[in-house]
């Protein structure tokens, strides 16, 4: 059975493509979830209009993401953490911590968009990438400093 995809589906195709699938797959999964429509001439016109609208919307979102990326690239975040003798952090700096630091600077970024392969456990300067759109990454500098401990009060 031929269907027109309304969404990008992994290992099947992209939005607007006409693909051939098993009748049961189309009838029981793709059509009820509105992921695809039957490949008729009328549906092809409708899906093409939807695809054009999606491309325009995507272009606007990409432009906004690039603008935000330019603003973010000039930001320097500073995190003060407790550290041991060899400048090894007692805890770590996670994506959630970075999102909170960005929020203090006025940027509302979801922590899931922060590309952090593993939590940061060392002092110093780190470059963190933030995924703003499919292929728009914004580098942000993160400076992790050691928390200076106040001297203990002298006993009298």
C-alpha atoms as a PDB file:
ATOM      1  CA  UNK A   1       0.000   0.000   0.000  1.00  0.00           C
ATOM      2  CA  UNK A   2       1.298   3.451  -0.868  1.00  0.00           C
ATOM      3  CA  UNK A   3       1.039   6.211   1.719  1.00  0.00           C
ATOM      4  CA  UNK A   4       2.260   9.786   2.013  1.00  0.00           C
ATOM      5  CA  UNK A   5       4.175  10.464   5.211  1.00  0.00           C
ATOM      6  CA  UNK A   6       3.029  13.454   7.282  1.00  0.00           C
ATOM      7  CA  UNK A   7       5.968  13.211   9.705  1.00  0.00           C
ATOM      8  CA  UNK A   8       9.581  12.080   9.533  1.00  0.00           C
ATOM      9  CA  UNK A   9       9.724   8.398  10.511  1.00  0.00           C
ATOM     10  CA  UNK A  10      13.041   6.684  11.221  1.00  0.00           C
ATOM     11  CA  UNK A  11      13.979   3.941   8.773  1.00  0.00           C
ATOM     12  CA  UNK A  12      10.924   4.703   6.605  1.00  0.00           C
ATOM     13  CA  UNK A  13      11.146   8.206   5.157  1.00  0.00           C
ATOM     14  CA  UNK A  14      10.701  11.921   5.556  1.00  0.00           C
ATOM     15  CA  UNK A  15       7.637  14.149   5.574  1.00  0.00           C
ATOM     16  CA  UNK A  16       5.935  14.383   2.188  1.00  0.00           C
ATOM     17  CA  UNK A  17       7.494  11.253   0.698  1.00  0.00           C
ATOM     18  CA  UNK A  18       5.370   8.572  -0.940  1.00  0.00           C
ATOM     19  CA  UNK A  19       6.423   5.195   0.449  1.00  0.00           C
ATOM     20  CA  UNK A  20       5.220   1.672  -0.031  1.00  0.00           C
ATOM     21  CA  UNK A  21       4.391  -0.156   3.219  1.00  0.00           C
ATOM     22  CA  UNK A  22       2.543  -3.274   4.247  1.00  0.00           C
ATOM     23  CA  UNK A  23      -1.231  -2.759   4.319  1.00  0.00           C
ATOM     24  CA  UNK A  24      -1.468  -3.834   7.968  1.00  0.00           C
ATOM     25  CA  UNK A  25       1.273  -1.411   9.046  1.00  0.00           C
ATOM     26  CA  UNK A  26      -0.513   1.461   7.314  1.00  0.00           C
ATOM     27  CA  UNK A  27      -4.008   0.498   8.494  1.00  0.00           C
ATOM     28  CA  UNK A  28      -3.096  -0.323  12.105  1.00  0.00           C
ATOM     29  CA  UNK A  29      -0.306   2.145  12.883  1.00  0.00           C
ATOM     30  CA  UNK A  30       0.420   4.930  10.384  1.00  0.00           C
ATOM     31  CA  UNK A  31      -3.133   5.992   9.516  1.00  0.00           C
ATOM     32  CA  UNK A  32      -4.684   5.926  13.047  1.00  0.00           C
ATOM     33  CA  UNK A  33      -1.758   7.918  14.483  1.00  0.00           C
ATOM     34  CA  UNK A  34      -2.036  10.386  11.582  1.00  0.00           C
ATOM     35  CA  UNK A  35       1.583   9.778  10.629  1.00  0.00           C
ATOM     36  CA  UNK A  36       0.561   9.105   7.024  1.00  0.00           C
ATOM     37  CA  UNK A  37      -2.375   9.380   4.614  1.00  0.00           C
ATOM     38  CA  UNK A  38      -3.365   7.240   1.658  1.00  0.00           C
ATOM     39  CA  UNK A  39      -1.546   8.220  -1.536  1.00  0.00           C
ATOM     40  CA  UNK A  40      -4.350   9.842  -3.568  1.00  0.00           C
ATOM     41  CA  UNK A  41      -4.069  12.904  -5.804  1.00  0.00           C
ATOM     42  CA  UNK A  42      -6.100  15.051  -3.389  1.00  0.00           C
ATOM     43  CA  UNK A  43      -4.016  13.954  -0.404  1.00  0.00           C
ATOM     44  CA  UNK A  44      -0.801  14.654  -2.312  1.00  0.00           C
ATOM     45  CA  UNK A  45      -1.883  18.304  -2.768  1.00  0.00           C
ATOM     46  CA  UNK A  46      -2.837  18.661   0.902  1.00  0.00           C
ATOM     47  CA  UNK A  47       0.418  17.113   2.131  1.00  0.00           C
ATOM     48  CA  UNK A  48       2.436  19.318  -0.236  1.00  0.00           C
ATOM     49  CA  UNK A  49       0.769  22.423   1.224  1.00  0.00           C
ATOM     50  CA  UNK A  50       1.497  21.174   4.759  1.00  0.00           C
ATOM     51  CA  UNK A  51       5.090  20.515   3.784  1.00  0.00           C
ATOM     52  CA  UNK A  52       5.506  24.044   2.393  1.00  0.00           C
ATOM     53  CA  UNK A  53       4.036  25.518   5.593  1.00  0.00           C
ATOM     54  CA  UNK A  54       6.369  23.347   7.691  1.00  0.00           C
ATOM     55  CA  UNK A  55       9.392  24.502   5.659  1.00  0.00           C
ATOM     56  CA  UNK A  56       8.459  28.152   6.225  1.00  0.00           C
ATOM     57  CA  UNK A  57       7.926  27.534   9.949  1.00  0.00           C
ATOM     58  CA  UNK A  58      11.244  25.674  10.154  1.00  0.00           C
ATOM     59  CA  UNK A  59      13.069  28.540   8.441  1.00  0.00           C
ATOM     60  CA  UNK A  60      11.688  31.005  11.008  1.00  0.00           C
ATOM     61  CA  UNK A  61      12.643  28.702  13.917  1.00  0.00           C
ATOM     62  CA  UNK A  62      16.142  28.224  12.495  1.00  0.00           C
ATOM     63  CA  UNK A  63      16.588  31.996  12.191  1.00  0.00           C
ATOM     64  CA  UNK A  64      15.493  32.509  15.792  1.00  0.00           C
ATOM     65  CA  UNK A  65      17.833  29.737  16.953  1.00  0.00           C
ATOM     66  CA  UNK A  66      20.773  31.292  15.099  1.00  0.00           C
ATOM     67  CA  UNK A  67      20.044  34.704  16.650  1.00  0.00           C
ATOM     68  CA  UNK A  68      19.883  33.145  20.110  1.00  0.00           C
ATOM     69  CA  UNK A  69      23.105  31.264  19.344  1.00  0.00           C
ATOM     70  CA  UNK A  70      24.908  34.537  18.592  1.00  0.00           C
ATOM     71  CA  UNK A  71      23.770  35.915  21.948  1.00  0.00           C
ATOM     72  CA  UNK A  72      24.756  32.736  23.802  1.00  0.00           C
ATOM     73  CA  UNK A  73      28.223  32.552  22.254  1.00  0.00           C
ATOM     74  CA  UNK A  74      29.217  35.751  24.077  1.00  0.00           C
ATOM     75  CA  UNK A  75      28.037  34.456  27.474  1.00  0.00           C
ATOM     76  CA  UNK A  76      30.536  33.286  30.084  1.00  0.00           C
ATOM     77  CA  UNK A  77      29.049  31.250  32.924  1.00  0.00           C
ATOM     78  CA  UNK A  78      30.807  31.004  36.275  1.00  0.00           C
ATOM     79  CA  UNK A  79      30.175  28.112  38.648  1.00  0.00           C
ATOM     80  CA  UNK A  80      31.737  28.032  42.122  1.00  0.00           C
ATOM     81  CA  UNK A  81      32.165  24.493  43.469  1.00  0.00           C
ATOM     82  CA  UNK A  82      33.847  22.817  46.407  1.00  0.00           C
ATOM     83  CA  UNK A  83      37.036  21.080  45.338  1.00  0.00           C
ATOM     84  CA  UNK A  84      39.690  18.905  46.919  1.00  0.00           C
ATOM     85  CA  UNK A  85      43.471  19.106  46.992  1.00  0.00           C
ATOM     86  CA  UNK A  86      44.146  18.235  43.333  1.00  0.00           C
ATOM     87  CA  UNK A  87      41.396  20.565  42.061  1.00  0.00           C
ATOM     88  CA  UNK A  88      39.003  17.634  41.743  1.00  0.00           C
ATOM     89  CA  UNK A  89      35.393  18.637  42.411  1.00  0.00           C
ATOM     90  CA  UNK A  90      33.560  16.971  45.285  1.00  0.00           C
ATOM     91  CA  UNK A  91      30.390  16.967  43.209  1.00  0.00           C
ATOM     92  CA  UNK A  92      30.000  17.738  39.534  1.00  0.00           C
ATOM     93  CA  UNK A  93      28.489  20.343  37.240  1.00  0.00           C
ATOM     94  CA  UNK A  94      25.532  18.849  35.385  1.00  0.00           C
ATOM     95  CA  UNK A  95      23.270  20.027  32.580  1.00  0.00           C
ATOM     96  CA  UNK A  96      20.715  21.071  35.199  1.00  0.00           C
ATOM     97  CA  UNK A  97      23.303  23.313  36.898  1.00  0.00           C
ATOM     98  CA  UNK A  98      24.216  24.884  33.557  1.00  0.00           C
ATOM     99  CA  UNK A  99      20.525  25.494  32.766  1.00  0.00           C
ATOM    100  CA  UNK A 100      20.150  27.275  36.118  1.00  0.00           C
ATOM    101  CA  UNK A 101      23.229  29.417  35.420  1.00  0.00           C
ATOM    102  CA  UNK A 102      21.789  30.338  32.022  1.00  0.00           C
ATOM    103  CA  UNK A 103      18.429  31.194  33.620  1.00  0.00           C
ATOM    104  CA  UNK A 104      20.200  33.651  35.937  1.00  0.00           C
ATOM    105  CA  UNK A 105      21.635  35.320  32.818  1.00  0.00           C
ATOM    106  CA  UNK A 106      18.140  35.546  31.267  1.00  0.00           C
ATOM    107  CA  UNK A 107      18.255  32.549  28.904  1.00  0.00           C
ATOM    108  CA  UNK A 108      15.530  29.945  29.358  1.00  0.00           C
ATOM    109  CA  UNK A 109      17.167  26.807  27.943  1.00  0.00           C
ATOM    110  CA  UNK A 110      15.821  23.314  28.582  1.00  0.00           C
ATOM    111  CA  UNK A 111      18.466  21.139  30.267  1.00  0.00           C
ATOM    112  CA  UNK A 112      17.937  18.431  27.625  1.00  0.00           C
ATOM    113  CA  UNK A 113      19.283  20.805  24.972  1.00  0.00           C
ATOM    114  CA  UNK A 114      22.617  21.124  26.751  1.00  0.00           C
ATOM    115  CA  UNK A 115      25.087  18.737  25.113  1.00  0.00           C
ATOM    116  CA  UNK A 116      27.152  17.353  27.974  1.00  0.00           C
ATOM    117  CA  UNK A 117      28.588  13.863  27.373  1.00  0.00           C
ATOM    118  CA  UNK A 118      29.395  13.493  31.070  1.00  0.00           C
ATOM    119  CA  UNK A 119      29.188  15.791  34.097  1.00  0.00           C
ATOM    120  CA  UNK A 120      32.108  18.173  34.590  1.00  0.00           C
ATOM    121  CA  UNK A 121      34.315  17.132  37.516  1.00  0.00           C
ATOM    122  CA  UNK A 122      37.339  19.401  37.118  1.00  0.00           C
ATOM    123  CA  UNK A 123      38.093  23.059  37.675  1.00  0.00           C
ATOM    124  CA  UNK A 124      38.908  25.378  34.806  1.00  0.00           C
ATOM    125  CA  UNK A 125      37.327  26.588  31.606  1.00  0.00           C
ATOM    126  CA  UNK A 126      35.055  24.298  29.609  1.00  0.00           C
ATOM    127  CA  UNK A 127      33.204  24.827  26.334  1.00  0.00           C
ATOM    128  CA  UNK A 128      29.606  23.594  26.476  1.00  0.00           C
ATOM    129  CA  UNK A 129      27.481  23.187  23.342  1.00  0.00           C
ATOM    130  CA  UNK A 130      23.774  23.955  23.437  1.00  0.00           C
ATOM    131  CA  UNK A 131      21.593  22.447  20.727  1.00  0.00           C
ATOM    132  CA  UNK A 132      19.141  25.176  19.758  1.00  0.00           C
ATOM    133  CA  UNK A 133      17.815  23.548  16.578  1.00  0.00           C
ATOM    134  CA  UNK A 134      18.513  20.392  14.586  1.00  0.00           C
ATOM    135  CA  UNK A 135      21.968  21.476  13.470  1.00  0.00           C
ATOM    136  CA  UNK A 136      22.380  24.812  15.270  1.00  0.00           C
ATOM    137  CA  UNK A 137      24.836  24.515  18.160  1.00  0.00           C
ATOM    138  CA  UNK A 138      25.844  27.442  20.341  1.00  0.00           C
ATOM    139  CA  UNK A 139      29.134  27.221  22.263  1.00  0.00           C
ATOM    140  CA  UNK A 140      29.046  28.651  25.793  1.00  0.00           C
ATOM    141  CA  UNK A 141      32.082  29.117  28.044  1.00  0.00           C
ATOM    142  CA  UNK A 142      31.786  27.699  31.546  1.00  0.00           C
ATOM    143  CA  UNK A 143      34.364  28.697  34.130  1.00  0.00           C
ATOM    144  CA  UNK A 144      34.412  26.335  37.133  1.00  0.00           C
ATOM    145  CA  UNK A 145      36.112  27.997  40.104  1.00  0.00           C
ATOM    146  CA  UNK A 146      37.090  26.640  43.487  1.00  0.00           C
ATOM    147  CA  UNK A 147      35.012  27.778  46.430  1.00  0.00           C
ATOM    148  CA  UNK A 148      37.232  29.623  48.834  1.00  0.00           C
ATOM    149  CA  UNK A 149      36.680  28.333  52.339  1.00  0.00           C
ATOM    150  CA  UNK A 150      36.489  30.913  55.095  1.00  0.00           C
ATOM    151  CA  UNK A 151      39.045  30.286  57.862  1.00  0.00           C
ATOM    152  CA  UNK A 152      37.597  28.702  60.981  1.00  0.00           C
ATOM    153  CA  UNK A 153      37.059  31.162  63.846  1.00  0.00           C
ATOM    154  CA  UNK A 154      39.846  31.092  66.408  1.00  0.00           C
ATOM    155  CA  UNK A 155      38.974  29.560  69.776  1.00  0.00           C
ATOM    156  CA  UNK A 156      39.283  31.935  72.712  1.00  0.00           C
END
